[in-house]
Amino acid sequence: MEHPYDGSWGYQTLGYFAATSRYGSPSEFMEFVDRCHQAGIGVFLDWTPAHFPRDAHGLAQFDGSHLYEHADPRQGTHPDWGTLVYNYGRNEVQNYLISNALFWLDKYHIDGLRVDAVASMLYLDYSRKPGEWIPNPYGGRENLDAIAFLKRMNEVVYAKFPGVLTIAEESTAWPAVSRPTYLGGLGFSFKWNMGWMNDTLKYFSLDPVYRKYEHNKLTFSLLYAFTENFILPFSHDEVVHGKNSLLHKMPGDLWQQFANLRLLFAYQFAHPGKKLLFMGQEIGQRHEWSEARSLDWHLFQWGSHQGVQRLVSDLNHLYAAEPALHEVDFDWHGFECIDANDSDNSVFTFLRRGKRKEDLIVVILNATPVVRGGYRLGVPQPGYYHEILNTDAAIYGGSNVGNAGGQQASSEPAQGRLQSLVLTLPPLAAVFLKWSPGS
């Protein structure tokens, strides 16, 4: 959508009904969406009803009065971004924003909307000190008008376009964000799991020597993983403003940084929830992202970057092909820990299940640069466990430590299970094993 300031990356939207002219005409954007659909790619808009720029050629004081915004700065200005706040309680504002959401879904055939900064809409005291905000009529901090607006927006969108998705970037513990409005929820399809993202990146930024003391950062998300329909995001916010690229958040020498990055992506794809990567992460981008320059495409001259891209491609294909990795994403029946407490070895092992008994994958994560031979792991049933992914494979830039393609389970009990495997765990790597009844 059209925006006046390049550095806002499009978030400070003024022309809500205009496709930005930076990349072509409206008809060319329509063709882009159509070509994506022909290739089986969905297109989502990052929609920004929380941002309201002050520019004189926008809606601020549109008729000389505070028509779309609040007059009182304790309600009508945003302290973080220097922007204004929509008066969501006004019918004019609700109609304007909801009609805009419908416009993109209708005219451009967009597949869904990711709604930015939902937390800033829900709380009257968001980024405000005591005395800088006005409580709601019941004395609380909840923005009742914004809550009603979001519920109404989702209800109208789904009524008119049943197949689309709406996604909330909501960074707090607000309940039932991705639950239907008739059950008291906000009505979104998905919610970003910001807690998982923060814990995961803190864990992976640690030298492996210290990871055993922070093992809970790898496992804590499973305590709440099924309270919402979560998306696991590594977004633009994590690779800008001095935060470094994902690759260079990783500790160790360059080989270990690449191995850690491959392990990170495998953990993301194995963890319950839908997946989100930002552009450049799939090639091991070295620089922080900037709107002022292209991605580092020249990195493809190096095998290590080719390996990351090949792994992400394989993870995407594996995720789509294996029901155990996606079919039961939002329910406990799709996940089971084998051992969440092996902090001394920094090893985390779990199962992913589909709806059928035969759809079963064992996931092993080794977060240290140590090859662990003779690692006994309990498995739920007899049969053969095929090694269908190993992030330490040579084709990804790894050291090629593995398990010769798989292993037959033995009747030796381990971790409370009657069968087990004795595995070699590659360094800083993830291994996925798929069960089958025979050898």
Protein backbone atom coordinates (compact mmCIF):
# COMPACT_ATOMS: atom_id res chain seq x y z
CA MET A 1 0.00 0.00 0.00
CA GLU A 2 1.18 3.52 -0.74
CA HIS A 3 3.38 5.23 1.86
CA PRO A 4 5.40 8.45 1.72
CA TYR A 5 8.50 7.41 3.68
CA ASP A 6 10.73 4.62 2.32
CA GLY A 7 12.28 4.03 5.74
CA SER A 8 8.93 2.99 7.21
CA TRP A 9 9.07 -0.12 4.93
CA GLY A 10 5.44 0.53 4.06
CA TYR A 11 4.12 0.45 7.62
CA GLN A 12 3.17 4.13 7.77
CA THR A 13 0.45 3.78 5.19
CA LEU A 14 -1.36 6.77 3.72
CA GLY A 15 -2.92 5.36 0.56
CA TYR A 16 -4.76 2.35 1.94
CA PHE A 17 -6.56 1.80 -1.38
CA ALA A 18 -3.49 2.33 -3.59
CA ALA A 19 -0.88 -0.26 -4.53
CA THR A 20 2.44 1.52 -4.09
CA SER A 21 3.76 2.96 -7.34
CA ARG A 22 7.33 1.97 -6.40
CA TYR A 23 6.91 -1.42 -8.06
CA GLY A 24 4.52 -0.69 -10.91
CA SER A 25 0.88 -0.05 -11.68
CA PRO A 26 -2.21 -1.58 -10.03
CA SER A 27 -2.79 -3.80 -13.07
CA GLU A 28 0.79 -5.04 -12.87
CA PHE A 29 0.28 -5.92 -9.21
CA MET A 30 -2.87 -7.81 -10.20
CA GLU A 31 -0.84 -9.75 -12.75
CA PHE A 32 1.82 -10.48 -10.11
CA VAL A 33 -0.81 -11.96 -7.79
CA ASP A 34 -2.27 -13.98 -10.65
CA ARG A 35 1.14 -15.36 -11.64
CA CYS A 36 1.81 -16.33 -8.01
CA HIS A 37 -1.50 -18.18 -7.87
CA GLN A 38 -0.69 -20.00 -11.11
CA ALA A 39 2.54 -21.16 -9.46
CA GLY A 40 0.71 -22.33 -6.34
CA ILE A 41 1.91 -19.42 -4.19
CA GLY A 42 -0.44 -17.53 -1.86
CA VAL A 43 -0.10 -13.77 -1.44
CA PHE A 44 -0.68 -12.00 1.87
CA LEU A 45 -0.72 -8.31 2.65
CA ASP A 46 0.87 -6.80 5.73
CA TRP A 47 -2.09 -4.64 6.74
CA THR A 48 -1.56 -1.72 9.13
CA PRO A 49 -4.67 -0.41 10.92
CA ALA A 50 -2.49 0.40 13.95
CA HIS A 51 -0.44 3.00 12.04
CA PHE A 52 -1.83 6.41 11.16
CA PRO A 53 0.79 8.90 9.84
CA ARG A 54 0.49 12.61 10.54
CA ASP A 55 1.26 13.71 6.95
CA ALA A 56 -0.93 16.65 5.91
CA HIS A 57 -1.97 14.91 2.68
CA GLY A 58 -3.38 11.97 4.67
CA LEU A 59 -6.39 11.59 6.97
CA ALA A 60 -4.97 13.47 9.96
CA GLN A 61 -7.37 16.36 10.75
CA PHE A 62 -9.01 15.54 7.46
CA ASP A 63 -11.74 18.18 7.67
CA GLY A 64 -9.88 20.45 10.06
CA SER A 65 -11.02 18.45 13.07
CA HIS A 66 -10.01 15.15 14.64
CA LEU A 67 -12.32 13.17 12.39
CA TYR A 68 -10.47 9.83 12.24
CA GLU A 69 -8.25 10.21 15.29
CA HIS A 70 -8.77 11.10 18.96
CA ALA A 71 -8.35 14.72 19.97
CA ASP A 72 -6.78 13.86 23.33
CA PRO A 73 -3.10 12.91 22.81
CA ARG A 74 -3.41 10.37 25.64
CA GLN A 75 -5.64 8.41 23.26
CA GLY A 76 -4.73 9.73 19.84
CA THR A 77 -0.93 9.64 19.54
CA HIS A 78 1.45 6.72 19.50
CA PRO A 79 4.59 7.34 21.59
CA ASP A 80 6.78 4.75 19.83
CA TRP A 81 6.27 5.69 16.20
CA GLY A 82 5.27 9.36 16.32
CA THR A 83 2.04 8.49 14.54
CA LEU A 84 -1.62 8.92 15.41
CA VAL A 85 -4.12 6.32 16.63
CA TYR A 86 -7.40 5.67 14.86
CA ASN A 87 -10.58 6.26 16.85
CA TYR A 88 -11.83 2.71 16.42
CA GLY A 89 -15.12 3.51 18.16
CA ARG A 90 -16.30 5.70 15.27
CA ASN A 91 -18.45 4.04 12.61
CA GLU A 92 -16.65 6.06 9.95
CA VAL A 93 -13.29 4.62 10.98
CA GLN A 94 -14.55 1.04 11.21
CA ASN A 95 -16.25 1.28 7.81
CA TYR A 96 -13.17 2.83 6.23
CA LEU A 97 -10.75 0.19 7.51
CA ILE A 98 -13.01 -2.84 7.01
CA SER A 99 -13.93 -1.75 3.49
CA ASN A 100 -10.21 -1.44 2.79
CA ALA A 101 -9.56 -5.00 3.98
CA LEU A 102 -12.34 -6.23 1.71
CA PHE A 103 -11.04 -4.15 -1.19
CA TRP A 104 -7.71 -6.01 -1.34
CA LEU A 105 -9.35 -9.39 -0.99
CA ASP A 106 -11.93 -8.59 -3.66
CA LYS A 107 -10.12 -6.55 -6.32
CA TYR A 108 -6.65 -8.07 -6.04
CA HIS A 109 -7.59 -11.62 -4.92
CA ILE A 110 -5.23 -11.44 -1.94
CA ASP A 111 -5.22 -14.67 0.09
CA GLY A 112 -5.14 -13.07 3.52
CA LEU A 113 -4.07 -10.24 5.78
CA ARG A 114 -1.33 -10.14 8.36
CA VAL A 115 -2.42 -7.42 10.81
CA ASP A 116 0.53 -5.50 12.19
CA ALA A 117 1.03 -4.37 15.80
CA VAL A 118 -2.22 -5.78 17.18
CA ALA A 119 -0.92 -5.46 20.76
CA SER A 120 -0.64 -1.69 20.34
CA MET A 121 -4.33 -1.62 19.45
CA LEU A 122 -5.54 -3.80 22.30
CA TYR A 123 -4.02 -1.89 25.20
CA LEU A 124 -4.73 1.72 26.09
CA ASP A 125 -1.48 1.91 28.07
CA TYR A 126 0.71 0.40 25.34
CA SER A 127 4.18 2.06 25.68
CA ARG A 128 2.67 4.67 28.01
CA LYS A 129 3.60 5.61 31.55
CA PRO A 130 1.06 6.16 34.34
CA GLY A 131 -0.91 9.34 33.65
CA GLU A 132 -0.28 9.15 29.90
CA TRP A 133 -3.38 7.10 29.10
CA ILE A 134 -7.11 7.11 29.83
CA PRO A 135 -8.75 3.95 31.23
CA ASN A 136 -11.81 2.46 29.58
CA PRO A 137 -15.27 3.01 31.18
CA TYR A 138 -14.65 0.06 33.50
CA GLY A 139 -11.28 1.36 34.69
CA GLY A 140 -9.28 -1.17 32.68
CA ARG A 141 -6.45 -0.90 30.19
CA GLU A 142 -8.22 -2.79 27.40
CA ASN A 143 -9.18 -0.76 24.33
CA LEU A 144 -12.78 -1.92 24.02
CA ASP A 145 -13.33 -0.07 20.75
CA ALA A 146 -10.28 -1.70 19.12
CA ILE A 147 -11.36 -5.13 20.37
CA ALA A 148 -14.82 -4.66 18.86
CA PHE A 149 -13.28 -3.44 15.61
CA LEU A 150 -10.95 -6.45 15.25
CA LYS A 151 -13.77 -8.88 15.96
CA ARG A 152 -16.04 -7.15 13.46
CA MET A 153 -13.31 -7.03 10.83
CA ASN A 154 -12.68 -10.78 11.11
CA GLU A 155 -16.39 -11.60 11.05
CA VAL A 156 -17.01 -9.53 7.91
CA VAL A 157 -13.89 -10.79 6.13
CA TYR A 158 -14.70 -14.46 6.73
CA ALA A 159 -18.37 -13.99 5.83
CA LYS A 160 -17.48 -12.55 2.44
CA PHE A 161 -14.28 -14.50 1.72
CA PRO A 162 -14.44 -17.82 3.61
CA GLY A 163 -11.15 -19.18 2.26
CA VAL A 164 -8.83 -16.38 3.34
CA LEU A 165 -6.62 -16.18 6.44
CA THR A 166 -6.11 -13.36 8.92
CA ILE A 167 -2.95 -13.33 11.02
CA ALA A 168 -2.32 -11.26 14.15
CA GLU A 169 1.09 -9.95 15.12
CA GLU A 170 0.20 -9.94 18.80
CA SER A 171 3.14 -10.01 21.19
CA THR A 172 1.45 -10.42 24.58
CA ALA A 173 -0.48 -13.16 26.35
CA TRP A 174 -3.86 -11.81 25.25
CA PRO A 175 -6.15 -14.87 25.30
CA ALA A 176 -8.01 -16.46 22.38
CA VAL A 177 -6.54 -14.29 19.62
CA SER A 178 -7.00 -17.15 17.13
CA ARG A 179 -10.32 -18.37 18.45
CA PRO A 180 -13.74 -17.62 16.89
CA THR A 181 -15.58 -14.54 18.07
CA TYR A 182 -18.59 -16.64 19.09
CA LEU A 183 -16.30 -18.30 21.64
CA GLY A 184 -15.04 -14.98 22.93
CA GLY A 185 -11.95 -14.80 20.73
CA LEU A 186 -10.72 -12.07 18.41
CA GLY A 187 -11.44 -14.25 15.38
CA PHE A 188 -8.01 -14.44 13.72
CA SER A 189 -6.82 -17.57 11.90
CA PHE A 190 -3.33 -17.41 13.39
CA LYS A 191 -1.23 -15.58 15.95
CA TRP A 192 2.51 -14.94 15.74
CA ASN A 193 4.40 -16.83 18.46
CA MET A 194 6.73 -14.06 19.59
CA GLY A 195 7.63 -15.90 22.80
CA TRP A 196 8.94 -18.89 20.83
CA MET A 197 10.92 -16.58 18.56
CA ASN A 198 12.57 -14.69 21.43
CA ASP A 199 13.40 -17.81 23.45
CA THR A 200 14.72 -19.65 20.41
CA LEU A 201 17.01 -16.87 19.24
CA LYS A 202 18.34 -16.32 22.78
CA TYR A 203 19.13 -20.02 23.03
CA PHE A 204 20.83 -20.24 19.65
CA SER A 205 22.90 -17.11 20.30
CA LEU A 206 24.57 -18.86 23.26
CA ASP A 207 27.89 -20.61 22.99
CA PRO A 208 27.03 -24.34 23.05
CA VAL A 209 29.05 -24.69 26.27
CA TYR A 210 26.36 -22.70 28.08
CA ARG A 211 23.27 -24.08 26.36
CA LYS A 212 22.71 -26.80 28.96
CA TYR A 213 21.95 -24.06 31.50
CA GLU A 214 19.26 -22.57 29.24
CA HIS A 215 17.71 -25.81 27.94
CA ASN A 216 14.25 -24.63 29.00
CA LYS A 217 14.36 -21.95 26.31
CA LEU A 218 14.23 -24.77 23.77
CA THR A 219 11.39 -26.64 25.45
CA PHE A 220 9.24 -24.04 27.25
CA SER A 221 7.14 -23.19 24.19
CA LEU A 222 5.60 -26.66 24.25
CA LEU A 223 3.79 -25.77 27.48
CA TYR A 224 1.59 -23.31 25.57
CA ALA A 225 2.02 -24.38 21.93
CA PHE A 226 -1.63 -25.42 21.56
CA THR A 227 -3.35 -22.51 23.30
CA GLU A 228 -3.47 -20.65 19.95
CA ASN A 229 -3.04 -21.39 16.26
CA PHE A 230 0.55 -20.21 16.17
CA ILE A 231 2.91 -19.09 13.43
CA LEU A 232 6.64 -19.37 14.22
CA PRO A 233 8.16 -16.14 12.86
CA PHE A 234 11.67 -15.10 11.95
CA SER A 235 10.62 -11.76 10.48
CA HIS A 236 12.26 -8.55 9.30
CA ASP A 237 12.22 -7.23 12.89
CA GLU A 238 14.86 -9.79 13.87
CA VAL A 239 17.42 -8.78 11.21
CA VAL A 240 17.46 -4.96 11.33
CA HIS A 241 18.62 -2.08 13.57
CA GLY A 242 21.83 -3.68 14.79
CA LYS A 243 20.30 -7.09 15.60
CA ASN A 244 22.46 -8.79 12.94
CA SER A 245 21.47 -11.39 10.36
CA LEU A 246 20.28 -14.82 11.50
CA LEU A 247 23.56 -16.35 10.34
CA HIS A 248 25.68 -13.99 12.40
CA LYS A 249 23.50 -14.31 15.49
CA MET A 250 24.94 -17.83 15.70
CA PRO A 251 28.07 -18.43 17.82
CA GLY A 252 31.34 -20.07 16.84
CA ASP A 253 33.45 -20.06 13.71
CA LEU A 254 31.87 -19.81 10.27
CA TRP A 255 31.32 -23.58 9.94
CA GLN A 256 29.53 -23.66 13.30
CA GLN A 257 27.45 -20.62 12.40
CA PHE A 258 26.16 -22.38 9.28
CA ALA A 259 25.57 -25.61 11.20
CA ASN A 260 23.66 -23.71 13.89
CA LEU A 261 21.56 -21.96 11.24
CA ARG A 262 20.65 -25.30 9.62
CA LEU A 263 19.74 -26.70 13.04
CA LEU A 264 17.62 -23.62 13.76
CA PHE A 265 15.61 -24.03 10.56
CA ALA A 266 15.07 -27.75 11.15
CA TYR A 267 13.86 -27.06 14.70
CA GLN A 268 11.44 -24.46 13.35
CA PHE A 269 10.02 -26.87 10.76
CA ALA A 270 9.70 -29.71 13.28
CA HIS A 271 8.06 -27.59 16.00
CA PRO A 272 4.23 -27.43 16.01
CA GLY A 273 2.96 -24.31 14.26
CA LYS A 274 3.18 -22.76 10.81
CA LYS A 275 6.49 -21.35 9.58
CA LEU A 276 7.64 -17.89 8.52
CA LEU A 277 11.04 -16.85 7.16
CA PHE A 278 12.00 -13.40 5.93
CA MET A 279 13.65 -12.90 2.56
CA GLY A 280 17.36 -13.64 2.51
CA GLN A 281 17.27 -16.02 5.46
CA GLU A 282 16.91 -18.98 3.11
CA ILE A 283 20.32 -18.22 1.57
CA GLY A 284 22.18 -17.40 4.79
CA GLN A 285 22.15 -13.63 4.21
CA ARG A 286 25.17 -12.11 5.96
CA HIS A 287 24.22 -8.44 6.09
CA GLU A 288 21.26 -7.06 7.98
CA TRP A 289 18.30 -6.41 5.75
CA SER A 290 17.86 -2.89 4.35
CA GLU A 291 15.23 -1.40 2.09
CA ALA A 292 18.01 0.52 0.37
CA ARG A 293 19.81 -2.45 -1.22
CA SER A 294 19.29 -5.82 -2.80
CA LEU A 295 19.78 -9.15 -1.06
CA ASP A 296 23.27 -10.65 -1.18
CA TRP A 297 22.63 -12.86 -4.20
CA HIS A 298 26.36 -13.05 -4.89
CA LEU A 299 26.65 -15.39 -1.89
CA PHE A 300 25.54 -18.27 -4.11
CA GLN A 301 29.10 -18.58 -5.29
CA TRP A 302 29.84 -20.27 -1.95
CA GLY A 303 28.85 -23.87 -1.24
CA SER A 304 27.87 -23.09 2.36
CA HIS A 305 25.16 -20.70 1.20
CA GLN A 306 24.02 -23.10 -1.49
CA GLY A 307 23.70 -25.71 1.26
CA VAL A 308 21.41 -23.51 3.37
CA GLN A 309 19.20 -22.81 0.38
CA ARG A 310 19.06 -26.51 -0.50
CA LEU A 311 18.12 -27.37 3.10
CA VAL A 312 15.29 -24.82 3.22
CA SER A 313 14.00 -26.15 -0.09
CA ASP A 314 14.12 -29.72 1.20
CA LEU A 315 12.44 -28.73 4.46
CA ASN A 316 9.60 -27.10 2.54
CA HIS A 317 9.10 -30.18 0.36
CA LEU A 318 9.35 -32.52 3.36
CA TYR A 319 6.90 -30.40 5.35
CA ALA A 320 4.34 -30.57 2.54
CA ALA A 321 4.87 -34.29 1.88
CA GLU A 322 4.81 -35.61 5.46
CA PRO A 323 1.44 -35.32 7.26
CA ALA A 324 3.19 -35.84 10.61
CA LEU A 325 4.85 -32.43 10.23
CA HIS A 326 1.74 -30.40 9.45
CA GLU A 327 -1.52 -32.30 9.79
CA VAL A 328 -2.05 -32.04 13.57
CA ASP A 329 -0.28 -28.76 14.28
CA PHE A 330 -2.63 -27.23 16.84
CA ASP A 331 -3.44 -30.17 19.10
CA TRP A 332 -1.46 -32.30 21.58
CA HIS A 333 -2.20 -35.42 19.54
CA GLY A 334 0.34 -34.27 16.94
CA PHE A 335 3.26 -33.96 19.37
CA GLU A 336 4.93 -36.04 22.07
CA CYS A 337 8.19 -35.52 23.94
CA ILE A 338 10.62 -38.40 24.08
CA ASP A 339 13.13 -36.61 26.30
CA ALA A 340 12.84 -32.91 27.05
CA ASN A 341 15.30 -33.01 29.97
CA ASP A 342 18.64 -34.04 28.49
CA SER A 343 20.14 -30.65 29.21
CA ASP A 344 23.61 -32.05 29.99
CA ASN A 345 23.96 -33.13 26.36
CA SER A 346 21.83 -30.27 24.97
CA VAL A 347 19.75 -32.88 23.14
CA PHE A 348 16.00 -32.51 22.63
CA THR A 349 13.99 -35.40 21.19
CA PHE A 350 10.30 -35.61 20.32
CA LEU A 351 7.70 -37.19 18.03
CA ARG A 352 5.46 -35.62 15.43
CA ARG A 353 2.31 -37.52 14.46
CA GLY A 354 -0.27 -37.29 11.69
CA LYS A 355 -3.83 -38.57 11.84
CA ARG A 356 -2.86 -42.06 10.72
CA LYS A 357 -0.73 -44.42 12.79
CA GLU A 358 1.81 -44.78 10.00
CA ASP A 359 2.47 -41.02 9.91
CA LEU A 360 5.14 -40.82 12.60
CA ILE A 361 8.44 -38.91 12.62
CA VAL A 362 11.12 -38.89 15.33
CA VAL A 363 13.02 -35.61 15.67
CA ILE A 364 16.46 -35.43 17.33
CA LEU A 365 18.21 -32.11 17.94
CA ASN A 366 21.86 -32.01 19.05
CA ALA A 367 22.74 -28.41 19.94
CA THR A 368 26.44 -28.98 20.62
CA PRO A 369 29.38 -29.39 18.20
CA VAL A 370 30.05 -32.85 19.69
CA VAL A 371 29.34 -36.10 17.81
CA ARG A 372 27.40 -38.29 20.25
CA GLY A 373 27.83 -41.97 19.45
CA GLY A 374 25.80 -44.74 21.05
CA TYR A 375 22.92 -42.45 21.99
CA ARG A 376 20.03 -44.71 23.04
CA LEU A 377 16.60 -43.29 22.29
CA GLY A 378 13.24 -44.80 23.17
CA VAL A 379 10.74 -45.08 20.31
CA PRO A 380 7.00 -45.80 20.47
CA GLN A 381 6.71 -48.93 18.32
CA PRO A 382 8.79 -51.63 16.62
CA GLY A 383 9.80 -51.21 13.02
CA TYR A 384 12.35 -49.46 10.86
CA TYR A 385 13.19 -45.78 11.28
CA HIS A 386 14.41 -44.22 8.01
CA GLU A 387 16.68 -41.18 8.20
CA ILE A 388 14.76 -38.80 5.93
CA LEU A 389 16.63 -35.60 6.87
CA ASN A 390 20.01 -34.87 8.39
CA THR A 391 21.13 -31.24 8.48
CA ASP A 392 24.76 -32.41 8.79
CA ALA A 393 24.63 -34.03 5.34
CA ALA A 394 27.41 -33.04 2.98
CA ILE A 395 24.93 -31.65 0.44
CA TYR A 396 24.01 -28.99 3.02
CA GLY A 397 27.61 -28.17 3.93
CA GLY A 398 27.81 -30.52 6.93
CA SER A 399 30.34 -33.12 8.05
CA ASN A 400 28.22 -36.06 6.83
CA VAL A 401 27.88 -37.86 10.17
CA GLY A 402 24.75 -40.03 10.15
CA ASN A 403 23.13 -43.40 10.68
CA ALA A 404 23.60 -45.20 7.35
CA GLY A 405 20.09 -44.39 6.21
CA GLY A 406 18.20 -45.64 9.26
CA GLN A 407 17.89 -48.33 11.88
CA GLN A 408 15.64 -51.19 13.01
CA ALA A 409 14.27 -50.68 16.51
CA SER A 410 15.42 -53.16 19.14
CA SER A 411 13.42 -54.51 22.08
CA GLU A 412 15.69 -52.74 24.60
CA PRO A 413 13.54 -50.35 26.71
CA ALA A 414 14.52 -46.69 27.03
CA GLN A 415 12.82 -43.50 28.28
CA GLY A 416 9.73 -45.43 29.31
CA ARG A 417 9.27 -47.06 25.91
CA LEU A 418 9.62 -50.75 25.05
CA GLN A 419 11.70 -50.26 21.90
CA SER A 420 14.76 -48.14 21.25
CA LEU A 421 17.39 -47.08 18.75
CA VAL A 422 21.12 -46.57 19.28
CA LEU A 423 22.04 -43.55 17.20
CA THR A 424 24.99 -41.43 16.23
CA LEU A 425 24.02 -37.79 16.68
CA PRO A 426 25.82 -35.46 14.27
CA PRO A 427 27.24 -32.18 15.62
CA LEU A 428 25.02 -29.07 15.72
CA ALA A 429 22.43 -30.92 13.70
CA ALA A 430 18.89 -32.23 13.48
CA VAL A 431 17.93 -35.71 12.35
CA PHE A 432 14.40 -36.71 11.25
CA LEU A 433 13.53 -40.42 11.28
CA LYS A 434 10.33 -41.71 9.62
CA TRP A 435 8.77 -44.90 10.97
CA SER A 436 7.72 -47.82 8.81
CA PRO A 437 6.53 -51.25 9.98
CA GLY A 438 9.21 -53.25 8.11
CA SER A 439 12.92 -52.97 7.36
